[in-house]
Amino acid sequence: MFVFRALLLLAALISPASAENRPAIEAGVKDAANQLQLYLDFAAKTGRRADFSTPPVSDLFATVFDLKQLAALPPPQATDLPWLMNWMAAANGVLKSILYFGINPPADPIADAPAIKRNATDYEDQEAVALSFLIQIGAREIQSAFLFMDQLTPQQRTPIREEGFKSARTGSAETLYGALVTIAQGMKPANARLLSAAIRDTSEVWSWTSFPKIDHSF
């Protein structure tokens, strides 16, 4: 993934609309994610429950998982890919910190399963918002990835880039699968509806990105 990201930074042209929004969004998300990480670390070390219901924590969470900001962006472009990946990485990092809250790193999915399950229950509302966001930004990211690959010449489609592209598609599919599993395990009706809506709204993207040989023009 890190190799793929470095290669994607070779994209040089940025649309006027994206260029106008990108710096502020990227900086705001990065700062909010860092502050959330500090807050979660402090809460865990002091034996407190993480509270996302009031400012400034609620505002920081809303900045990282800003669905309205995401929806307001212009149509995906190849040059959006690097910063979308950064936004998605920041959001995914916060979600993991919530699910692994109070667990000494590195978290062990087996040994720490009871604590992870407890966090998933205690912070289900935040998990639902985060997964809904990751599904939708993942759909936009994979569209940008296809556009990026499509603009390359045959010589530029190196094995490393092809493998990175495949890994990006796999990661997006895993996020979608994780959301489906979360719904199946039983959630509050409102949270299940939120995730279901995110999957439904992006279903067209997933349908043509799930198979490597189909026509992915859009």
Protein backbone atom coordinates (compact mmCIF):
# COMPACT_ATOMS: atom_id res chain seq x y z
CA MET A 1 0.00 0.00 0.00
CA PHE A 2 2.83 2.40 0.80
CA VAL A 3 4.55 1.60 -2.51
CA PHE A 4 1.27 2.16 -4.35
CA ARG A 5 0.74 5.50 -2.65
CA ALA A 6 4.22 6.67 -3.61
CA LEU A 7 3.60 5.74 -7.21
CA LEU A 8 0.28 7.51 -7.26
CA LEU A 9 1.94 10.73 -6.20
CA LEU A 10 3.33 10.92 -9.73
CA ALA A 11 -0.05 12.25 -10.85
CA ALA A 12 0.59 15.91 -11.64
CA LEU A 13 -2.59 17.65 -12.85
CA ILE A 14 -5.34 18.67 -10.45
CA SER A 15 -8.72 20.02 -11.46
CA PRO A 16 -9.58 23.59 -10.32
CA ALA A 17 -12.43 22.38 -8.10
CA SER A 18 -10.33 19.71 -6.42
CA ALA A 19 -7.37 22.05 -6.02
CA GLU A 20 -9.58 24.57 -4.25
CA ASN A 21 -10.94 22.14 -1.69
CA ARG A 22 -8.14 19.67 -1.19
CA PRO A 23 -5.66 21.57 1.02
CA ALA A 24 -8.26 22.67 3.57
CA ILE A 25 -9.93 19.26 3.72
CA GLU A 26 -6.65 17.37 3.96
CA ALA A 27 -5.22 19.62 6.66
CA GLY A 28 -8.44 19.64 8.68
CA VAL A 29 -8.83 15.88 8.58
CA LYS A 30 -5.19 15.25 9.52
CA ASP A 31 -5.35 17.66 12.46
CA ALA A 32 -8.68 16.29 13.70
CA ALA A 33 -7.49 12.69 13.43
CA ASN A 34 -4.31 13.48 15.37
CA GLN A 35 -6.27 15.23 18.11
CA LEU A 36 -8.71 12.33 18.34
CA GLN A 37 -5.83 9.88 18.69
CA LEU A 38 -4.38 11.96 21.53
CA TYR A 39 -7.77 12.13 23.23
CA LEU A 40 -8.34 8.37 22.96
CA ASP A 41 -4.86 7.64 24.33
CA PHE A 42 -5.43 10.00 27.26
CA ALA A 43 -8.89 8.59 28.03
CA ALA A 44 -7.59 5.03 27.98
CA LYS A 45 -4.58 5.80 30.18
CA THR A 46 -6.75 7.59 32.74
CA GLY A 47 -9.37 4.84 32.80
CA ARG A 48 -12.11 6.96 31.30
CA ARG A 49 -14.72 5.99 28.74
CA ALA A 50 -14.31 7.78 25.44
CA ASP A 51 -17.12 10.31 25.02
CA PHE A 52 -17.99 11.44 21.48
CA SER A 53 -21.22 13.23 22.41
CA THR A 54 -19.95 16.75 23.11
CA PRO A 55 -17.45 19.24 21.67
CA PRO A 56 -14.62 19.33 20.98
CA VAL A 57 -14.49 15.55 20.53
CA SER A 58 -17.78 15.39 18.62
CA ASP A 59 -16.54 18.12 16.28
CA LEU A 60 -13.25 16.33 15.67
CA PHE A 61 -15.07 13.09 14.89
CA ALA A 62 -17.41 14.90 12.50
CA THR A 63 -14.45 16.45 10.69
CA VAL A 64 -12.77 13.11 10.04
CA PHE A 65 -15.99 11.36 8.98
CA ASP A 66 -17.55 14.26 7.10
CA LEU A 67 -20.03 12.67 4.70
CA LYS A 68 -21.44 16.05 3.61
CA GLN A 69 -17.98 17.30 2.66
CA LEU A 70 -17.33 14.07 0.77
CA ALA A 71 -20.64 14.25 -1.09
CA ALA A 72 -20.00 17.89 -2.06
CA LEU A 73 -16.82 17.05 -3.96
CA PRO A 74 -16.83 17.17 -7.77
CA PRO A 75 -16.85 13.87 -9.71
CA PRO A 76 -13.83 11.61 -9.05
CA GLN A 77 -10.65 12.28 -11.02
CA ALA A 78 -7.39 10.41 -11.33
CA THR A 79 -5.48 13.14 -9.51
CA ASP A 80 -7.75 12.91 -6.47
CA LEU A 81 -6.33 9.54 -5.55
CA PRO A 82 -3.37 10.46 -3.30
CA TRP A 83 -5.31 12.78 -1.01
CA LEU A 84 -8.35 10.50 -0.92
CA MET A 85 -6.04 7.72 0.24
CA ASN A 86 -4.68 10.01 2.95
CA TRP A 87 -8.20 10.89 4.11
CA MET A 88 -9.23 7.25 4.09
CA ALA A 89 -6.10 6.23 6.01
CA ALA A 90 -6.79 8.85 8.69
CA ALA A 91 -10.41 7.76 9.02
CA ASN A 92 -9.47 4.09 9.16
CA GLY A 93 -6.85 4.83 11.80
CA VAL A 94 -9.41 6.54 14.04
CA LEU A 95 -11.86 3.66 13.63
CA LYS A 96 -9.19 1.15 14.62
CA SER A 97 -8.27 3.24 17.66
CA ILE A 98 -11.91 3.17 18.75
CA LEU A 99 -12.26 -0.58 18.26
CA TYR A 100 -8.94 -1.18 20.05
CA PHE A 101 -9.63 1.39 22.77
CA GLY A 102 -7.89 0.46 26.04
CA ILE A 103 -5.95 -2.41 24.45
CA ASN A 104 -2.17 -2.33 24.71
CA PRO A 105 -0.67 -2.36 21.20
CA PRO A 106 -0.28 -4.39 19.18
CA ALA A 107 -3.84 -5.64 19.47
CA ASP A 108 -4.31 -9.41 19.15
CA PRO A 109 -7.58 -10.26 17.35
CA ILE A 110 -7.82 -13.51 19.31
CA ALA A 111 -6.48 -12.69 22.77
CA ASP A 112 -8.14 -9.27 22.78
CA ALA A 113 -11.41 -10.45 21.24
CA PRO A 114 -13.51 -9.78 24.39
CA ALA A 115 -12.24 -6.19 24.64
CA ILE A 116 -12.73 -5.59 20.91
CA LYS A 117 -16.27 -6.97 21.12
CA ARG A 118 -17.00 -4.76 24.12
CA ASN A 119 -15.72 -1.68 22.28
CA ALA A 120 -17.78 -2.58 19.21
CA THR A 121 -20.85 -2.60 21.44
CA ASP A 122 -19.99 0.48 23.50
CA TYR A 123 -19.10 2.56 20.44
CA GLU A 124 -21.49 1.05 17.91
CA ASP A 125 -22.86 4.45 16.88
CA GLN A 126 -19.38 5.73 16.03
CA GLU A 127 -18.49 2.50 14.27
CA ALA A 128 -21.58 2.75 12.08
CA VAL A 129 -20.80 6.33 11.06
CA ALA A 130 -17.17 5.45 10.41
CA LEU A 131 -17.95 2.36 8.31
CA SER A 132 -20.59 4.25 6.35
CA PHE A 133 -18.01 6.91 5.56
CA LEU A 134 -15.32 4.38 4.64
CA ILE A 135 -17.68 2.63 2.24
CA GLN A 136 -18.49 5.88 0.48
CA ILE A 137 -14.97 7.29 0.35
CA GLY A 138 -13.77 3.83 -0.70
CA ALA A 139 -16.14 3.90 -3.67
CA ARG A 140 -14.81 7.31 -4.71
CA GLU A 141 -11.22 6.20 -4.18
CA ILE A 142 -11.58 3.10 -6.36
CA GLN A 143 -13.14 5.16 -9.15
CA SER A 144 -10.14 7.48 -9.01
CA ALA A 145 -7.84 4.45 -9.05
CA PHE A 146 -9.45 3.16 -12.25
CA LEU A 147 -9.12 6.61 -13.82
CA PHE A 148 -5.47 6.78 -12.78
CA MET A 149 -4.71 3.39 -14.30
CA ASP A 150 -6.66 4.17 -17.46
CA GLN A 151 -4.51 7.23 -18.19
CA LEU A 152 -1.29 5.22 -18.10
CA THR A 153 0.43 3.96 -21.21
CA PRO A 154 1.07 0.20 -21.49
CA GLN A 155 4.70 0.86 -20.53
CA GLN A 156 3.62 2.73 -17.40
CA ARG A 157 1.38 -0.11 -16.24
CA THR A 158 4.23 -1.83 -14.46
CA PRO A 159 3.80 -5.03 -12.38
CA ILE A 160 4.21 -2.98 -9.20
CA ARG A 161 1.44 -0.59 -10.20
CA GLU A 162 -0.81 -3.44 -11.27
CA GLU A 163 -0.24 -5.19 -7.95
CA GLY A 164 -0.88 -1.98 -6.04
CA PHE A 165 -4.09 -1.45 -7.97
CA LYS A 166 -5.20 -4.98 -7.17
CA SER A 167 -4.40 -4.42 -3.48
CA ALA A 168 -6.44 -1.21 -3.43
CA ARG A 169 -9.45 -3.02 -4.89
CA THR A 170 -9.05 -5.84 -2.38
CA GLY A 171 -8.92 -3.37 0.52
CA SER A 172 -12.11 -1.68 -0.60
CA ALA A 173 -13.87 -5.01 -0.93
CA GLU A 174 -12.74 -5.97 2.58
CA THR A 175 -14.25 -2.78 3.99
CA LEU A 176 -17.55 -3.58 2.30
CA TYR A 177 -17.45 -7.17 3.55
CA GLY A 178 -16.69 -5.98 7.08
CA ALA A 179 -19.74 -3.73 7.01
CA LEU A 180 -21.94 -6.60 5.86
CA VAL A 181 -20.63 -8.82 8.65
CA THR A 182 -21.22 -6.06 11.19
CA ILE A 183 -24.83 -5.71 10.06
CA ALA A 184 -25.34 -9.47 10.16
CA GLN A 185 -24.02 -9.70 13.72
CA GLY A 186 -26.83 -7.46 14.92
CA MET A 187 -26.86 -3.68 15.22
CA LYS A 188 -29.29 -1.05 16.32
CA PRO A 189 -31.89 -0.61 13.55
CA ALA A 190 -30.80 2.97 12.86
CA ASN A 191 -27.16 1.93 12.49
CA ALA A 192 -28.03 -1.01 10.27
CA ARG A 193 -30.05 1.33 8.05
CA LEU A 194 -27.14 3.76 7.87
CA LEU A 195 -24.72 1.07 6.67
CA SER A 196 -27.28 -0.45 4.33
CA ALA A 197 -27.87 2.94 2.74
CA ALA A 198 -24.13 3.47 2.21
CA ILE A 199 -23.84 0.07 0.53
CA ARG A 200 -26.92 0.70 -1.60
CA ASP A 201 -25.78 4.16 -2.66
CA THR A 202 -22.42 2.83 -3.84
CA SER A 203 -23.62 -0.53 -5.18
CA GLU A 204 -23.09 0.46 -8.82
CA VAL A 205 -19.43 1.18 -8.15
CA TRP A 206 -18.89 -2.11 -6.34
CA SER A 207 -20.65 -4.06 -9.07
CA TRP A 208 -18.19 -3.01 -11.77
CA THR A 209 -15.08 -2.97 -9.60
CA SER A 210 -15.57 -6.47 -8.20
CA PHE A 211 -14.59 -8.22 -11.42
CA PRO A 212 -11.22 -7.63 -13.13
CA LYS A 213 -12.25 -8.12 -16.77
CA ILE A 214 -15.45 -6.12 -17.10
CA ASP A 215 -15.77 -2.73 -18.76
CA HIS A 216 -15.29 -0.17 -15.97
CA SER A 217 -16.02 2.96 -17.95
CA PHE A 218 -18.40 5.45 -16.36
